[in-house]
Structure formats: C-alpha cells, structure tokens
C-alpha atoms as a PDB file:
ATOM      1  CA  MET A   1       2.401 -18.724   5.586  1.00  0.00           C
ATOM      2  CA  ARG A   2      -1.458 -19.234   4.512  1.00  0.00           C
ATOM      3  CA  THR A   3      -1.951 -19.846   0.512  1.00  0.00           C
ATOM      4  CA  ASP A   4      -4.048 -17.229   0.838  1.00  0.00           C
ATOM      5  CA  VAL A   5      -2.096 -14.515   2.278  1.00  0.00           C
ATOM      6  CA  LYS A   6       0.783 -15.337  -0.141  1.00  0.00           C
ATOM      7  CA  GLU A   7      -1.860 -14.875  -3.146  1.00  0.00           C
ATOM      8  CA  TRP A   8      -2.300 -11.219  -1.335  1.00  0.00           C
ATOM      9  CA  ILE A   9       1.350 -10.576  -1.248  1.00  0.00           C
ATOM     10  CA  LYS A  10       1.722 -11.676  -4.977  1.00  0.00           C
ATOM     11  CA  LYS A  11      -0.678  -9.162  -6.218  1.00  0.00           C
ATOM     12  CA  ALA A  12       1.092  -6.552  -3.479  1.00  0.00           C
ATOM     13  CA  ASP A  13       4.349  -7.272  -5.208  1.00  0.00           C
ATOM     14  CA  GLU A  14       2.787  -6.940  -8.949  1.00  0.00           C
ATOM     15  CA  ASP A  15       1.445  -3.381  -7.985  1.00  0.00           C
ATOM     16  CA  LEU A  16       4.676  -2.369  -6.459  1.00  0.00           C
ATOM     17  CA  LYS A  17       6.614  -3.604  -9.848  1.00  0.00           C
ATOM     18  CA  ALA A  18       4.297  -1.765 -11.460  1.00  0.00           C
ATOM     19  CA  ALA A  19       4.768   1.482  -9.610  1.00  0.00           C
ATOM     20  CA  GLU A  20       8.175   1.435 -10.415  1.00  0.00           C
ATOM     21  CA  VAL A  21       7.703   0.705 -14.139  1.00  0.00           C
ATOM     22  CA  LEU A  22       5.673   3.527 -14.601  1.00  0.00           C
ATOM     23  CA  LEU A  23       7.750   5.934 -12.536  1.00  0.00           C
ATOM     24  CA  ARG A  24      10.526   5.070 -14.621  1.00  0.00           C
ATOM     25  CA  GLN A  25       7.951   5.882 -17.787  1.00  0.00           C
ATOM     26  CA  SER A  26       7.033   9.371 -16.044  1.00  0.00           C
ATOM     27  CA  LEU A  27       3.504   8.180 -15.441  1.00  0.00           C
ATOM     28  CA  TYR A  28       3.250   9.493 -12.097  1.00  0.00           C
ATOM     29  CA  ALA A  29      -0.372   9.575 -11.237  1.00  0.00           C
ATOM     30  CA  LEU A  30      -0.243   5.693 -12.476  1.00  0.00           C
ATOM     31  CA  SER A  31       2.722   4.843 -10.274  1.00  0.00           C
ATOM     32  CA  CYS A  32       0.949   6.358  -7.190  1.00  0.00           C
ATOM     33  CA  PHE A  33      -1.839   4.290  -7.619  1.00  0.00           C
ATOM     34  CA  HIS A  34      -0.228   1.179  -8.044  1.00  0.00           C
ATOM     35  CA  ALA A  35       2.012   2.267  -5.049  1.00  0.00           C
ATOM     36  CA  GLN A  36      -1.319   2.834  -2.870  1.00  0.00           C
ATOM     37  CA  GLN A  37      -2.857  -0.332  -4.546  1.00  0.00           C
ATOM     38  CA  ALA A  38       0.704  -2.545  -2.978  1.00  0.00           C
ATOM     39  CA  VAL A  39       0.382  -1.113   0.649  1.00  0.00           C
ATOM     40  CA  GLU A  40      -3.405  -1.930   0.829  1.00  0.00           C
ATOM     41  CA  LYS A  41      -2.845  -5.469  -0.387  1.00  0.00           C
ATOM     42  CA  TYR A  42       0.369  -5.726   2.170  1.00  0.00           C
ATOM     43  CA  LEU A  43      -1.935  -4.720   4.748  1.00  0.00           C
ATOM     44  CA  LYS A  44      -4.905  -6.933   3.901  1.00  0.00           C
ATOM     45  CA  ALA A  45      -2.499  -9.763   4.105  1.00  0.00           C
ATOM     46  CA  PHE A  46      -1.496  -8.956   7.097  1.00  0.00           C
ATOM     47  CA  LEU A  47      -4.989  -9.003   8.508  1.00  0.00           C
ATOM     48  CA  LEU A  48      -5.850 -12.173   6.615  1.00  0.00           C
ATOM     49  CA  GLU A  49      -3.007 -14.264   8.149  1.00  0.00           C
ATOM     50  CA  HIS A  50      -4.710 -12.887  11.627  1.00  0.00           C
ATOM     51  CA  ASP A  51      -8.035 -13.901  10.599  1.00  0.00           C
ATOM     52  CA  ARG A  52      -9.597 -10.594  10.119  1.00  0.00           C
ATOM     53  CA  GLU A  53     -12.461 -10.185   7.706  1.00  0.00           C
ATOM     54  CA  ILE A  54     -11.149  -8.028   4.521  1.00  0.00           C
ATOM     55  CA  SER A  55     -12.912  -4.725   4.449  1.00  0.00           C
ATOM     56  CA  LYS A  56     -13.571  -3.425   1.092  1.00  0.00           C
ATOM     57  CA  THR A  57     -12.302  -0.182   1.130  1.00  0.00           C
ATOM     58  CA  HIS A  58      -8.878   1.868  -0.005  1.00  0.00           C
ATOM     59  CA  ASN A  59      -8.300   3.706   3.542  1.00  0.00           C
ATOM     60  CA  ILE A  60      -5.023   3.087   4.631  1.00  0.00           C
ATOM     61  CA  LYS A  61      -5.638   4.570   7.304  1.00  0.00           C
ATOM     62  CA  PHE A  62      -8.372   2.353   8.524  1.00  0.00           C
ATOM     63  CA  LEU A  63      -6.585  -0.512   7.621  1.00  0.00           C
ATOM     64  CA  LEU A  64      -3.432   0.503   9.566  1.00  0.00           C
ATOM     65  CA  ASN A  65      -5.796   0.862  12.771  1.00  0.00           C
ATOM     66  CA  GLN A  66      -6.914  -3.114  12.083  1.00  0.00           C
ATOM     67  CA  CYS A  67      -3.316  -3.834  11.952  1.00  0.00           C
ATOM     68  CA  CYS A  68      -2.579  -1.807  15.421  1.00  0.00           C
ATOM     69  CA  GLU A  69      -5.530  -3.492  17.016  1.00  0.00           C
ATOM     70  CA  ILE A  70      -3.362  -6.928  16.463  1.00  0.00           C
ATOM     71  CA  ASP A  71       0.164  -5.354  16.675  1.00  0.00           C
ATOM     72  CA  LYS A  72       0.867  -1.922  18.244  1.00  0.00           C
ATOM     73  CA  SER A  73       4.244  -1.662  16.021  1.00  0.00           C
ATOM     74  CA  PHE A  74       2.179  -0.589  12.973  1.00  0.00           C
ATOM     75  CA  ARG A  75       1.873   2.690  14.426  1.00  0.00           C
ATOM     76  CA  GLU A  76       5.432   2.834  12.824  1.00  0.00           C
ATOM     77  CA  LEU A  77       3.844   3.284   9.389  1.00  0.00           C
ATOM     78  CA  PHE A  78       1.491   6.281  10.450  1.00  0.00           C
ATOM     79  CA  LYS A  79       5.084   8.074  11.638  1.00  0.00           C
ATOM     80  CA  PHE A  80       6.247   7.337   7.776  1.00  0.00           C
ATOM     81  CA  GLY A  81       2.943   8.701   6.708  1.00  0.00           C
ATOM     82  CA  VAL A  82       1.948   5.680   4.816  1.00  0.00           C
ATOM     83  CA  HIS A  83      -1.926   6.586   5.462  1.00  0.00           C
ATOM     84  CA  TYR A  84      -1.531   9.407   3.337  1.00  0.00           C
ATOM     85  CA  LEU A  85      -1.308   7.026  -0.066  1.00  0.00           C
ATOM     86  CA  THR A  86      -5.069   6.949   0.325  1.00  0.00           C
ATOM     87  CA  GLU A  87      -5.440   9.658  -1.702  1.00  0.00           C
ATOM     88  CA  TYR A  88      -3.898   8.131  -4.923  1.00  0.00           C
ATOM     89  CA  ALA A  89      -6.231   5.396  -4.741  1.00  0.00           C
ATOM     90  CA  VAL A  90      -8.997   7.183  -6.614  1.00  0.00           C
ATOM     91  CA  GLU A  91      -8.391  10.973  -6.977  1.00  0.00           C
ATOM     92  CA  VAL A  92      -5.405  10.179  -9.613  1.00  0.00           C
ATOM     93  CA  ARG A  93      -7.111   8.190 -11.658  1.00  0.00           C
ATOM     94  CA  TYR A  94      -9.809  10.946 -13.345  1.00  0.00           C
ATOM     95  CA  PRO A  95      -8.676  14.028 -15.051  1.00  0.00           C
ATOM     96  CA  GLY A  96      -8.782  17.156 -13.600  1.00  0.00           C
ATOM     97  CA  ILE A  97      -8.766  16.031  -9.566  1.00  0.00           C
ATOM     98  CA  TYR A  98      -5.150  15.772  -9.100  1.00  0.00           C
ATOM     99  CA  GLU A  99      -1.775  15.068 -10.791  1.00  0.00           C
ATOM    100  CA  PRO A 100       0.715  14.080  -8.786  1.00  0.00           C
ATOM    101  CA  ASP A 101       4.824  15.001  -9.566  1.00  0.00           C
ATOM    102  CA  GLU A 102       7.700  13.122 -10.015  1.00  0.00           C
ATOM    103  CA  GLU A 103       8.766  13.620  -6.349  1.00  0.00           C
ATOM    104  CA  GLU A 104       5.588  12.600  -5.056  1.00  0.00           C
ATOM    105  CA  ALA A 105       5.571   9.679  -7.322  1.00  0.00           C
ATOM    106  CA  GLU A 106       9.020   8.555  -5.540  1.00  0.00           C
ATOM    107  CA  ASP A 107       7.518   9.239  -2.224  1.00  0.00           C
ATOM    108  CA  ALA A 108       4.722   7.090  -2.768  1.00  0.00           C
ATOM    109  CA  LEU A 109       7.081   4.119  -3.716  1.00  0.00           C
ATOM    110  CA  ARG A 110       9.410   4.653  -1.458  1.00  0.00           C
ATOM    111  CA  LEU A 111       6.364   4.122   1.371  1.00  0.00           C
ATOM    112  CA  ALA A 112       5.089   1.165  -0.341  1.00  0.00           C
ATOM    113  CA  LYS A 113       8.736  -0.334  -0.259  1.00  0.00           C
ATOM    114  CA  VAL A 114       8.810   0.211   3.402  1.00  0.00           C
ATOM    115  CA  THR A 115       5.359  -1.258   3.982  1.00  0.00           C
ATOM    116  CA  LYS A 116       6.461  -4.043   2.124  1.00  0.00           C
ATOM    117  CA  GLU A 117       9.579  -4.856   4.229  1.00  0.00           C
ATOM    118  CA  PHE A 118       7.765  -3.802   7.383  1.00  0.00           C
ATOM    119  CA  VAL A 119       4.557  -6.406   6.660  1.00  0.00           C
ATOM    120  CA  LEU A 120       7.078  -9.315   5.681  1.00  0.00           C
ATOM    121  CA  ARG A 121       8.994  -8.931   8.516  1.00  0.00           C
ATOM    122  CA  LYS A 122       5.795  -9.420  10.736  1.00  0.00           C
ATOM    123  CA  LEU A 123       4.666 -12.581   8.822  1.00  0.00           C
ATOM    124  CA  ARG A 124       7.433 -14.599   8.964  1.00  0.00           C
END
C-alpha cells in the first residue's frame, strides 16, 4: 500500500476512534461527524490507491459512485446505507439544524466500522 494511502487510513482511523470516544461521552452529534469523516477518508484512500483524483467533497454517495467505477462490489455499501452519513458532515456541527440521538450515533459508528473493514479488504 502506498505511503499516502496509509496516511489517509491513519487519519480515518483517528476519526473512527474519536467517534467511539465521543459516543461514550454522549456527544452524539460530534460522534456522527467523526464517523462520517472516517468513512469519507476510507473511501478517498481507496480512490487514491487507484490513482483517482481526490475530490474536495463530503458527499459519501458521490465517493461511493466513484469507488463503484473501479470495483462494482462497493454497491454493497449502498445497501448498508453508508451514503446517508453525508448528512453528518455539516448539519450536526451547527446549532438549531439537527441533533442526532444515541441510536443514530451508534448506527453511524457501526457503518463507519463496516466501511473500514470493507475498504481494508480491498486494499490488501
């Protein structure tokens, strides 16, 4: 695996860890944000490994579609609903827009872990 890809994975792992810690502290919005960030970075690492340009986007659906162009099995992540994490990229960071609850934060973390496992299998 390329060094730059490893760096993206490392940053994604840090976001995943942050999501876990924040969930335990009942900071659900921040946990969801970091789960979304982890997924975004895992997908971007896969794209980078395949010499694709990294888009400055938080849109998980867009990134998944790019990954599907390389490997159709990424459609599996759509079935899990990973693309719905996009809503946590911005909205949860500001007051009065949206506040996820514990169940949503747990689901976001689960989806981030599913994405990590999926992408790492593809990068091996």
